Amino acid sequence: MNPNSYAGIIPENPDDVAVYFVYGTLCQGQCRQHCWPATPLGVHPAWVQGTLFGREDYPALRPGNQRVGGECWFFAKRDAERVTEVLDEIEVTNQPGHPNLYDRIELQANLVSTSHLQPANLPAFPQTWTASAYHYATDPLLDGFERLTEQETVFGKFSVWPAEKWRSTSVL
């Protein structure tokens, strides 16, 4: 993942947007990147507090105190209902007749400093956003996941999935 691939606006007013934090297959460059049902206003690197688990096919987030790297996807409020509906279906959340694979939650997502991506004359923007995200509904270790550890990335030290996301500064 290249830090220069992030684009779009960072809205100034949280009331104007719906924010979704993703950390796996819905991120840019991953297999479900094209499943979003609307065009985002912007996509920016971010992190949340949690514990990240991974296996070959997808990751799982649970409560914890690691810095878990991912992305905040910003959408116009008018798109929020449709985006939530599609993500709930992808994450098997609130689907009649099926137990939740993931639970939709709200958490605080912290934008990674994007000062090197923004012109210097732009006004300051909020760094922390309330975002919808998905926690794995059961113990990931029981489903073959392994706990991931923090690693150095171009944006700082984070747990990320897959391991090559935000490639290490040593390979840039």
N, C-alpha and C. Protein backbone atom coordinates (compact mmCIF):
# COMPACT_ATOMS: atom_id res chain seq x y z
N MET A 1 0.84 -1.16 0.00
CA MET A 1 0.00 0.00 0.00
C MET A 1 0.89 1.22 0.00
N ASN A 2 0.62 2.13 -0.87
CA ASN A 2 1.42 3.33 -1.03
C ASN A 2 0.70 4.50 -0.37
N PRO A 3 1.37 5.26 0.50
CA PRO A 3 0.70 6.36 1.16
C PRO A 3 0.17 7.40 0.19
N ASN A 4 0.71 7.48 -0.99
CA ASN A 4 0.23 8.45 -1.97
C ASN A 4 -1.08 8.02 -2.63
N SER A 5 -1.57 6.82 -2.35
CA SER A 5 -2.82 6.37 -2.95
C SER A 5 -4.03 6.93 -2.21
N TYR A 6 -3.83 7.61 -1.08
CA TYR A 6 -4.93 8.17 -0.32
C TYR A 6 -5.31 9.51 -0.91
N ALA A 7 -6.62 9.73 -1.05
CA ALA A 7 -7.08 10.95 -1.69
C ALA A 7 -8.47 11.30 -1.20
N GLY A 8 -8.93 12.44 -1.67
CA GLY A 8 -10.26 12.90 -1.34
C GLY A 8 -10.21 13.89 -0.19
N ILE A 9 -11.37 14.40 0.13
CA ILE A 9 -11.43 15.42 1.17
C ILE A 9 -11.50 14.80 2.56
N ILE A 10 -11.09 15.56 3.51
CA ILE A 10 -11.34 15.25 4.91
C ILE A 10 -12.35 16.31 5.35
N PRO A 11 -13.61 15.95 5.51
CA PRO A 11 -14.63 16.95 5.84
C PRO A 11 -14.30 17.68 7.15
N GLU A 12 -14.76 18.93 7.22
CA GLU A 12 -14.54 19.71 8.43
C GLU A 12 -15.62 19.47 9.46
N ASN A 13 -16.82 19.12 9.03
CA ASN A 13 -17.95 18.97 9.95
C ASN A 13 -18.37 17.51 10.04
N PRO A 14 -18.19 16.88 11.21
CA PRO A 14 -18.58 15.47 11.36
C PRO A 14 -20.07 15.21 11.11
N ASP A 15 -20.91 16.22 11.24
CA ASP A 15 -22.34 16.03 11.02
C ASP A 15 -22.69 15.85 9.55
N ASP A 16 -21.77 16.16 8.66
CA ASP A 16 -22.02 16.08 7.22
C ASP A 16 -21.69 14.73 6.61
N VAL A 17 -21.09 13.83 7.39
CA VAL A 17 -20.58 12.59 6.80
C VAL A 17 -20.87 11.38 7.67
N ALA A 18 -20.76 10.23 7.05
CA ALA A 18 -20.75 8.94 7.74
C ALA A 18 -19.35 8.38 7.53
N VAL A 19 -18.74 7.90 8.62
CA VAL A 19 -17.36 7.41 8.56
C VAL A 19 -17.34 5.94 8.91
N TYR A 20 -16.58 5.18 8.13
CA TYR A 20 -16.42 3.74 8.35
C TYR A 20 -14.93 3.45 8.46
N PHE A 21 -14.54 2.74 9.52
CA PHE A 21 -13.15 2.31 9.68
C PHE A 21 -13.06 0.85 9.25
N VAL A 22 -12.17 0.57 8.30
CA VAL A 22 -11.95 -0.81 7.85
C VAL A 22 -10.47 -1.14 7.98
N TYR A 23 -10.18 -2.42 8.14
CA TYR A 23 -8.80 -2.84 8.44
C TYR A 23 -8.43 -4.11 7.70
N GLY A 24 -9.22 -4.52 6.72
CA GLY A 24 -8.95 -5.79 6.06
C GLY A 24 -9.34 -5.80 4.60
N THR A 25 -10.22 -6.70 4.23
CA THR A 25 -10.54 -6.95 2.82
C THR A 25 -11.27 -5.80 2.14
N LEU A 26 -11.82 -4.85 2.90
CA LEU A 26 -12.49 -3.69 2.30
C LEU A 26 -11.54 -2.52 2.07
N CYS A 27 -10.29 -2.64 2.49
CA CYS A 27 -9.30 -1.58 2.29
C CYS A 27 -8.88 -1.50 0.83
N GLN A 28 -8.32 -0.35 0.48
CA GLN A 28 -7.78 -0.18 -0.86
C GLN A 28 -6.74 -1.27 -1.14
N GLY A 29 -6.81 -1.82 -2.34
CA GLY A 29 -5.85 -2.83 -2.75
C GLY A 29 -6.19 -4.24 -2.30
N GLN A 30 -7.31 -4.41 -1.58
CA GLN A 30 -7.70 -5.74 -1.09
C GLN A 30 -8.88 -6.27 -1.92
N CYS A 31 -9.24 -7.52 -1.71
CA CYS A 31 -10.20 -8.21 -2.57
C CYS A 31 -11.62 -7.63 -2.55
N ARG A 32 -12.01 -6.94 -1.50
CA ARG A 32 -13.35 -6.37 -1.44
C ARG A 32 -13.37 -4.85 -1.59
N GLN A 33 -12.30 -4.29 -2.04
CA GLN A 33 -12.21 -2.85 -2.23
C GLN A 33 -13.33 -2.34 -3.13
N HIS A 34 -13.76 -3.14 -4.09
CA HIS A 34 -14.77 -2.70 -5.06
C HIS A 34 -16.20 -3.00 -4.62
N CYS A 35 -16.39 -3.45 -3.39
CA CYS A 35 -17.74 -3.78 -2.89
C CYS A 35 -18.48 -2.58 -2.31
N TRP A 36 -17.80 -1.46 -2.13
CA TRP A 36 -18.46 -0.28 -1.58
C TRP A 36 -19.55 0.16 -2.55
N PRO A 37 -20.79 0.41 -2.06
CA PRO A 37 -21.91 0.72 -2.96
C PRO A 37 -22.01 2.19 -3.37
N ALA A 38 -21.12 3.04 -2.90
CA ALA A 38 -21.13 4.46 -3.24
C ALA A 38 -19.69 4.95 -3.31
N THR A 39 -19.50 6.04 -3.98
CA THR A 39 -18.17 6.62 -4.08
C THR A 39 -17.88 7.43 -2.82
N PRO A 40 -16.76 7.16 -2.16
CA PRO A 40 -16.44 7.91 -0.94
C PRO A 40 -16.02 9.34 -1.26
N LEU A 41 -16.23 10.21 -0.28
CA LEU A 41 -15.71 11.57 -0.39
C LEU A 41 -14.20 11.57 -0.24
N GLY A 42 -13.70 10.61 0.54
CA GLY A 42 -12.28 10.48 0.77
C GLY A 42 -11.96 9.19 1.48
N VAL A 43 -10.73 8.74 1.36
CA VAL A 43 -10.22 7.56 2.05
C VAL A 43 -8.87 7.96 2.62
N HIS A 44 -8.70 7.75 3.95
CA HIS A 44 -7.48 8.20 4.59
C HIS A 44 -6.98 7.16 5.59
N PRO A 45 -5.66 7.04 5.74
CA PRO A 45 -5.12 6.11 6.72
C PRO A 45 -5.51 6.53 8.13
N ALA A 46 -5.79 5.54 8.97
CA ALA A 46 -6.25 5.81 10.33
C ALA A 46 -5.88 4.63 11.22
N TRP A 47 -6.12 4.80 12.52
CA TRP A 47 -5.90 3.71 13.45
C TRP A 47 -6.93 3.78 14.57
N VAL A 48 -7.14 2.62 15.20
CA VAL A 48 -8.05 2.50 16.35
C VAL A 48 -7.35 1.67 17.42
N GLN A 49 -7.89 1.73 18.63
CA GLN A 49 -7.43 0.86 19.71
C GLN A 49 -8.12 -0.49 19.54
N GLY A 50 -7.38 -1.56 19.67
CA GLY A 50 -7.97 -2.88 19.58
C GLY A 50 -6.90 -3.95 19.61
N THR A 51 -7.30 -5.15 19.32
CA THR A 51 -6.38 -6.27 19.14
C THR A 51 -6.71 -6.87 17.79
N LEU A 52 -5.70 -7.01 16.95
CA LEU A 52 -5.90 -7.51 15.60
C LEU A 52 -5.43 -8.95 15.50
N PHE A 53 -6.25 -9.76 14.87
CA PHE A 53 -5.94 -11.16 14.60
C PHE A 53 -6.00 -11.36 13.09
N GLY A 54 -5.26 -12.33 12.61
CA GLY A 54 -5.27 -12.56 11.17
C GLY A 54 -5.14 -14.03 10.84
N ARG A 55 -5.60 -14.35 9.68
CA ARG A 55 -5.32 -15.61 9.03
C ARG A 55 -5.24 -15.31 7.55
N GLU A 56 -5.02 -16.31 6.74
CA GLU A 56 -4.75 -16.06 5.33
C GLU A 56 -5.87 -15.31 4.63
N ASP A 57 -7.14 -15.60 4.95
CA ASP A 57 -8.25 -15.05 4.18
C ASP A 57 -8.78 -13.70 4.64
N TYR A 58 -8.71 -13.40 5.93
CA TYR A 58 -9.19 -12.12 6.42
C TYR A 58 -8.80 -11.92 7.88
N PRO A 59 -8.91 -10.68 8.37
CA PRO A 59 -8.55 -10.39 9.75
C PRO A 59 -9.76 -10.32 10.67
N ALA A 60 -9.50 -10.19 11.95
CA ALA A 60 -10.55 -10.04 12.97
C ALA A 60 -10.06 -9.01 13.99
N LEU A 61 -10.92 -8.08 14.33
CA LEU A 61 -10.61 -7.06 15.33
C LEU A 61 -11.43 -7.32 16.58
N ARG A 62 -10.78 -7.19 17.72
CA ARG A 62 -11.45 -7.32 19.02
C ARG A 62 -10.98 -6.17 19.91
N PRO A 63 -11.67 -5.94 21.03
CA PRO A 63 -11.21 -4.89 21.95
C PRO A 63 -9.78 -5.17 22.41
N GLY A 64 -9.04 -4.12 22.68
CA GLY A 64 -7.68 -4.26 23.16
C GLY A 64 -6.98 -2.92 23.19
N ASN A 65 -5.65 -2.94 23.34
CA ASN A 65 -4.94 -1.69 23.45
C ASN A 65 -3.78 -1.55 22.46
N GLN A 66 -3.82 -2.31 21.38
CA GLN A 66 -2.86 -2.10 20.30
C GLN A 66 -3.34 -0.95 19.42
N ARG A 67 -2.42 -0.40 18.66
CA ARG A 67 -2.79 0.55 17.61
C ARG A 67 -2.98 -0.27 16.33
N VAL A 68 -4.22 -0.36 15.88
CA VAL A 68 -4.55 -1.16 14.71
C VAL A 68 -4.74 -0.22 13.52
N GLY A 69 -3.93 -0.42 12.49
CA GLY A 69 -3.98 0.42 11.30
C GLY A 69 -5.04 -0.02 10.32
N GLY A 70 -5.62 0.95 9.66
CA GLY A 70 -6.62 0.69 8.63
C GLY A 70 -6.92 1.97 7.88
N GLU A 71 -8.17 2.10 7.46
CA GLU A 71 -8.57 3.27 6.68
C GLU A 71 -9.91 3.79 7.15
N CYS A 72 -10.07 5.10 7.12
CA CYS A 72 -11.38 5.72 7.30
C CYS A 72 -11.91 6.07 5.91
N TRP A 73 -13.11 5.58 5.64
CA TRP A 73 -13.81 5.90 4.40
C TRP A 73 -14.90 6.88 4.76
N PHE A 74 -14.89 8.05 4.13
CA PHE A 74 -15.86 9.12 4.39
C PHE A 74 -16.91 9.13 3.29
N PHE A 75 -18.19 9.10 3.69
CA PHE A 75 -19.30 9.13 2.75
C PHE A 75 -20.26 10.25 3.10
N ALA A 76 -20.96 10.76 2.09
CA ALA A 76 -22.03 11.72 2.34
C ALA A 76 -23.11 11.04 3.18
N LYS A 77 -23.72 11.79 4.08
CA LYS A 77 -24.78 11.23 4.96
C LYS A 77 -25.86 10.51 4.15
N ARG A 78 -26.19 11.03 2.98
CA ARG A 78 -27.26 10.43 2.17
C ARG A 78 -26.93 8.99 1.74
N ASP A 79 -25.65 8.63 1.75
CA ASP A 79 -25.22 7.28 1.35
C ASP A 79 -25.09 6.31 2.53
N ALA A 80 -25.21 6.82 3.75
CA ALA A 80 -24.91 6.02 4.94
C ALA A 80 -25.78 4.77 5.07
N GLU A 81 -27.08 4.89 4.85
CA GLU A 81 -27.97 3.73 5.01
C GLU A 81 -27.59 2.61 4.05
N ARG A 82 -27.34 2.95 2.79
CA ARG A 82 -26.98 1.94 1.78
C ARG A 82 -25.61 1.33 2.09
N VAL A 83 -24.65 2.15 2.47
CA VAL A 83 -23.31 1.64 2.78
C VAL A 83 -23.39 0.69 3.97
N THR A 84 -24.10 1.08 5.01
CA THR A 84 -24.24 0.22 6.20
C THR A 84 -24.91 -1.09 5.84
N GLU A 85 -25.95 -1.03 5.03
CA GLU A 85 -26.66 -2.25 4.61
C GLU A 85 -25.72 -3.21 3.88
N VAL A 86 -24.93 -2.70 2.96
CA VAL A 86 -24.01 -3.55 2.20
C VAL A 86 -22.91 -4.11 3.10
N LEU A 87 -22.34 -3.27 3.96
CA LEU A 87 -21.28 -3.76 4.85
C LEU A 87 -21.81 -4.80 5.83
N ASP A 88 -23.02 -4.58 6.35
CA ASP A 88 -23.62 -5.58 7.24
C ASP A 88 -23.76 -6.93 6.52
N GLU A 89 -24.12 -6.89 5.26
CA GLU A 89 -24.26 -8.13 4.49
C GLU A 89 -22.89 -8.79 4.30
N ILE A 90 -21.89 -8.03 3.93
CA ILE A 90 -20.54 -8.56 3.73
C ILE A 90 -20.00 -9.16 5.02
N GLU A 91 -20.22 -8.47 6.14
CA GLU A 91 -19.66 -8.90 7.43
C GLU A 91 -20.58 -9.88 8.18
N VAL A 92 -21.68 -10.28 7.57
CA VAL A 92 -22.66 -11.18 8.17
C VAL A 92 -23.07 -10.63 9.54
N THR A 93 -23.61 -9.43 9.50
CA THR A 93 -24.07 -8.73 10.69
C THR A 93 -25.56 -8.45 10.53
N ASN A 94 -26.35 -8.82 11.53
CA ASN A 94 -27.79 -8.56 11.52
C ASN A 94 -28.48 -9.13 10.29
N GLN A 95 -28.08 -10.33 9.88
CA GLN A 95 -28.70 -11.00 8.74
C GLN A 95 -29.68 -12.04 9.26
N PRO A 96 -30.96 -11.91 8.91
CA PRO A 96 -31.97 -12.84 9.42
C PRO A 96 -31.58 -14.31 9.20
N GLY A 97 -31.69 -15.10 10.26
CA GLY A 97 -31.42 -16.52 10.18
C GLY A 97 -29.95 -16.90 10.29
N HIS A 98 -29.07 -15.92 10.49
CA HIS A 98 -27.64 -16.20 10.59
C HIS A 98 -27.07 -15.56 11.85
N PRO A 99 -26.24 -16.28 12.59
CA PRO A 99 -25.55 -15.63 13.73
C PRO A 99 -24.53 -14.63 13.18
N ASN A 100 -24.30 -13.57 13.92
CA ASN A 100 -23.32 -12.58 13.48
C ASN A 100 -21.93 -13.18 13.42
N LEU A 101 -21.24 -12.93 12.30
CA LEU A 101 -19.82 -13.22 12.21
C LEU A 101 -19.05 -12.04 12.82
N TYR A 102 -19.53 -10.84 12.54
CA TYR A 102 -18.99 -9.60 13.10
C TYR A 102 -20.13 -8.81 13.71
N ASP A 103 -19.82 -7.99 14.70
CA ASP A 103 -20.78 -7.07 15.30
C ASP A 103 -20.39 -5.65 14.89
N ARG A 104 -21.38 -4.90 14.40
CA ARG A 104 -21.12 -3.50 14.06
C ARG A 104 -21.05 -2.68 15.34
N ILE A 105 -20.01 -1.88 15.46
CA ILE A 105 -19.81 -1.05 16.64
C ILE A 105 -19.45 0.37 16.18
N GLU A 106 -19.44 1.29 17.13
CA GLU A 106 -18.88 2.61 16.89
C GLU A 106 -17.63 2.74 17.74
N LEU A 107 -16.60 3.35 17.17
CA LEU A 107 -15.36 3.56 17.91
C LEU A 107 -14.72 4.85 17.46
N GLN A 108 -13.69 5.24 18.14
CA GLN A 108 -12.95 6.45 17.79
C GLN A 108 -11.80 6.06 16.86
N ALA A 109 -11.83 6.61 15.66
CA ALA A 109 -10.77 6.38 14.68
C ALA A 109 -9.91 7.63 14.60
N ASN A 110 -8.62 7.45 14.62
CA ASN A 110 -7.66 8.54 14.61
C ASN A 110 -6.96 8.60 13.26
N LEU A 111 -7.10 9.72 12.58
CA LEU A 111 -6.44 9.84 11.30
C LEU A 111 -4.94 9.89 11.51
N VAL A 112 -4.23 9.19 10.65
CA VAL A 112 -2.78 9.25 10.66
C VAL A 112 -2.40 10.58 10.03
N SER A 113 -1.38 11.19 10.53
CA SER A 113 -0.96 12.48 10.00
C SER A 113 -0.79 12.40 8.50
N THR A 114 -1.52 13.23 7.81
CA THR A 114 -1.41 13.26 6.35
C THR A 114 -0.83 14.59 5.89
N SER A 115 -0.07 15.25 6.76
CA SER A 115 0.46 16.57 6.41
C SER A 115 1.30 16.53 5.13
N HIS A 116 1.97 15.42 4.91
CA HIS A 116 2.78 15.31 3.70
C HIS A 116 1.93 15.08 2.46
N LEU A 117 0.63 14.80 2.63
CA LEU A 117 -0.27 14.58 1.50
C LEU A 117 -1.11 15.82 1.20
N GLN A 118 -1.13 16.81 2.08
CA GLN A 118 -2.00 17.97 1.97
C GLN A 118 -1.16 19.21 1.66
N PRO A 119 -1.69 20.14 0.83
CA PRO A 119 -1.01 21.41 0.64
C PRO A 119 -0.92 22.16 1.98
N ALA A 120 0.15 22.87 2.20
CA ALA A 120 0.39 23.54 3.48
C ALA A 120 -0.65 24.61 3.80
N ASN A 121 -1.33 25.15 2.80
CA ASN A 121 -2.26 26.24 3.05
C ASN A 121 -3.68 25.77 3.39
N LEU A 122 -3.91 24.47 3.53
CA LEU A 122 -5.24 23.98 3.89
C LEU A 122 -5.48 24.18 5.38
N PRO A 123 -6.76 24.46 5.77
CA PRO A 123 -7.05 24.61 7.19
C PRO A 123 -6.94 23.28 7.93
N ALA A 124 -6.81 23.37 9.24
CA ALA A 124 -6.74 22.15 10.06
C ALA A 124 -8.04 21.37 9.95
N PHE A 125 -7.99 20.08 10.15
CA PHE A 125 -9.18 19.23 10.08
C PHE A 125 -9.21 18.34 11.31
N PRO A 126 -10.41 17.82 11.65
CA PRO A 126 -10.49 16.93 12.82
C PRO A 126 -9.60 15.71 12.64
N GLN A 127 -8.92 15.32 13.70
CA GLN A 127 -8.03 14.16 13.67
C GLN A 127 -8.71 12.89 14.17
N THR A 128 -9.76 13.03 14.99
CA THR A 128 -10.45 11.88 15.56
C THR A 128 -11.90 11.91 15.12
N TRP A 129 -12.38 10.76 14.66
CA TRP A 129 -13.74 10.65 14.13
C TRP A 129 -14.45 9.48 14.78
N THR A 130 -15.74 9.62 15.03
CA THR A 130 -16.56 8.48 15.42
C THR A 130 -16.87 7.71 14.15
N ALA A 131 -16.52 6.44 14.13
CA ALA A 131 -16.65 5.63 12.92
C ALA A 131 -17.36 4.33 13.22
N SER A 132 -18.10 3.83 12.25
CA SER A 132 -18.64 2.47 12.32
C SER A 132 -17.52 1.52 11.95
N ALA A 133 -17.46 0.40 12.66
CA ALA A 133 -16.45 -0.61 12.39
C ALA A 133 -17.06 -1.96 12.76
N TYR A 134 -16.30 -3.02 12.56
CA TYR A 134 -16.81 -4.37 12.83
C TYR A 134 -15.82 -5.15 13.68
N HIS A 135 -16.31 -5.60 14.83
CA HIS A 135 -15.55 -6.49 15.72
C HIS A 135 -15.98 -7.93 15.46
N TYR A 136 -15.02 -8.83 15.46
CA TYR A 136 -15.33 -10.25 15.32
C TYR A 136 -16.21 -10.67 16.49
N ALA A 137 -17.27 -11.43 16.22
CA ALA A 137 -18.30 -11.71 17.22
C ALA A 137 -17.89 -12.75 18.26
N THR A 138 -16.91 -13.59 17.96
CA THR A 138 -16.49 -14.64 18.91
C THR A 138 -14.97 -14.57 19.08
N ASP A 139 -14.43 -15.47 19.86
CA ASP A 139 -12.98 -15.51 20.09
C ASP A 139 -12.29 -15.93 18.79
N PRO A 140 -11.49 -15.05 18.19
CA PRO A 140 -10.83 -15.40 16.93
C PRO A 140 -9.88 -16.59 17.03
N LEU A 141 -9.29 -16.81 18.20
CA LEU A 141 -8.36 -17.94 18.35
C LEU A 141 -9.06 -19.27 18.14
N LEU A 142 -10.37 -19.33 18.45
CA LEU A 142 -11.13 -20.56 18.25
C LEU A 142 -11.42 -20.84 16.77
N ASP A 143 -11.26 -19.81 15.93
CA ASP A 143 -11.51 -19.95 14.49
C ASP A 143 -10.24 -19.95 13.66
N GLY A 144 -9.10 -20.23 14.29
CA GLY A 144 -7.86 -20.37 13.55
C GLY A 144 -7.10 -19.08 13.28
N PHE A 145 -7.46 -18.00 13.92
CA PHE A 145 -6.73 -16.75 13.76
C PHE A 145 -5.52 -16.74 14.68
N GLU A 146 -4.52 -15.93 14.34
CA GLU A 146 -3.37 -15.69 15.20
C GLU A 146 -3.34 -14.22 15.55
N ARG A 147 -2.94 -13.93 16.77
CA ARG A 147 -2.81 -12.53 17.18
C ARG A 147 -1.65 -11.90 16.42
N LEU A 148 -1.89 -10.72 15.85
CA LEU A 148 -0.86 -10.00 15.12
C LEU A 148 -0.20 -8.98 16.03
N THR A 149 1.06 -8.72 15.79
CA THR A 149 1.79 -7.76 16.61
C THR A 149 2.02 -6.48 15.82
N GLU A 150 2.34 -5.43 16.55
CA GLU A 150 2.62 -4.16 15.89
C GLU A 150 3.93 -4.27 15.13
N GLN A 151 4.00 -3.54 14.02
CA GLN A 151 5.20 -3.49 13.20
C GLN A 151 5.41 -2.06 12.73
N GLU A 152 6.62 -1.75 12.36
CA GLU A 152 6.93 -0.40 11.88
C GLU A 152 6.38 -0.26 10.46
N THR A 153 5.66 0.84 10.20
CA THR A 153 5.11 1.13 8.88
C THR A 153 5.52 2.55 8.50
N VAL A 154 5.18 2.96 7.29
CA VAL A 154 5.49 4.32 6.86
C VAL A 154 4.75 5.36 7.69
N PHE A 155 3.69 4.96 8.38
CA PHE A 155 2.89 5.88 9.18
C PHE A 155 3.15 5.74 10.68
N GLY A 156 4.03 4.87 11.09
CA GLY A 156 4.28 4.63 12.50
C GLY A 156 4.13 3.15 12.83
N LYS A 157 4.05 2.84 14.11
CA LYS A 157 3.99 1.45 14.55
C LYS A 157 2.52 1.04 14.74
N PHE A 158 2.08 0.03 13.96
CA PHE A 158 0.69 -0.44 13.99
C PHE A 158 0.63 -1.95 13.78
N SER A 159 -0.46 -2.55 14.22
CA SER A 159 -0.81 -3.91 13.78
C SER A 159 -1.62 -3.73 12.51
N VAL A 160 -1.23 -4.44 11.47
CA VAL A 160 -1.93 -4.33 10.20
C VAL A 160 -2.09 -5.71 9.57
N TRP A 161 -3.13 -5.83 8.75
CA TRP A 161 -3.37 -7.03 7.95
C TRP A 161 -3.65 -6.58 6.54
N PRO A 162 -3.06 -7.21 5.54
CA PRO A 162 -1.99 -8.20 5.64
C PRO A 162 -0.69 -7.52 6.07
N ALA A 163 0.30 -8.33 6.37
CA ALA A 163 1.54 -7.82 6.94
C ALA A 163 2.20 -6.78 6.06
N GLU A 164 2.02 -6.85 4.75
CA GLU A 164 2.71 -5.90 3.86
C GLU A 164 1.98 -4.58 3.71
N LYS A 165 0.80 -4.43 4.34
CA LYS A 165 0.10 -3.15 4.26
C LYS A 165 0.97 -2.07 4.88
N TRP A 166 0.98 -0.91 4.24
CA TRP A 166 1.79 0.23 4.71
C TRP A 166 3.23 -0.21 4.89
N ARG A 167 3.79 -0.73 3.88
CA ARG A 167 5.12 -1.33 3.89
C ARG A 167 6.10 -0.62 4.82
N SER A 168 6.97 -1.39 5.38
CA SER A 168 7.97 -0.89 6.32
C SER A 168 8.79 0.23 5.68
N THR A 169 9.16 1.20 6.48
CA THR A 169 9.99 2.30 5.98
C THR A 169 11.34 1.78 5.48
N SER A 170 11.74 0.61 5.92
CA SER A 170 13.04 0.07 5.49
C SER A 170 13.03 -0.38 4.03
N VAL A 171 11.85 -0.55 3.43
CA VAL A 171 11.80 -1.01 2.03
C VAL A 171 11.37 0.09 1.10
N LEU A 172 11.16 1.30 1.60
CA LEU A 172 10.78 2.41 0.71
C LEU A 172 11.99 3.16 0.20
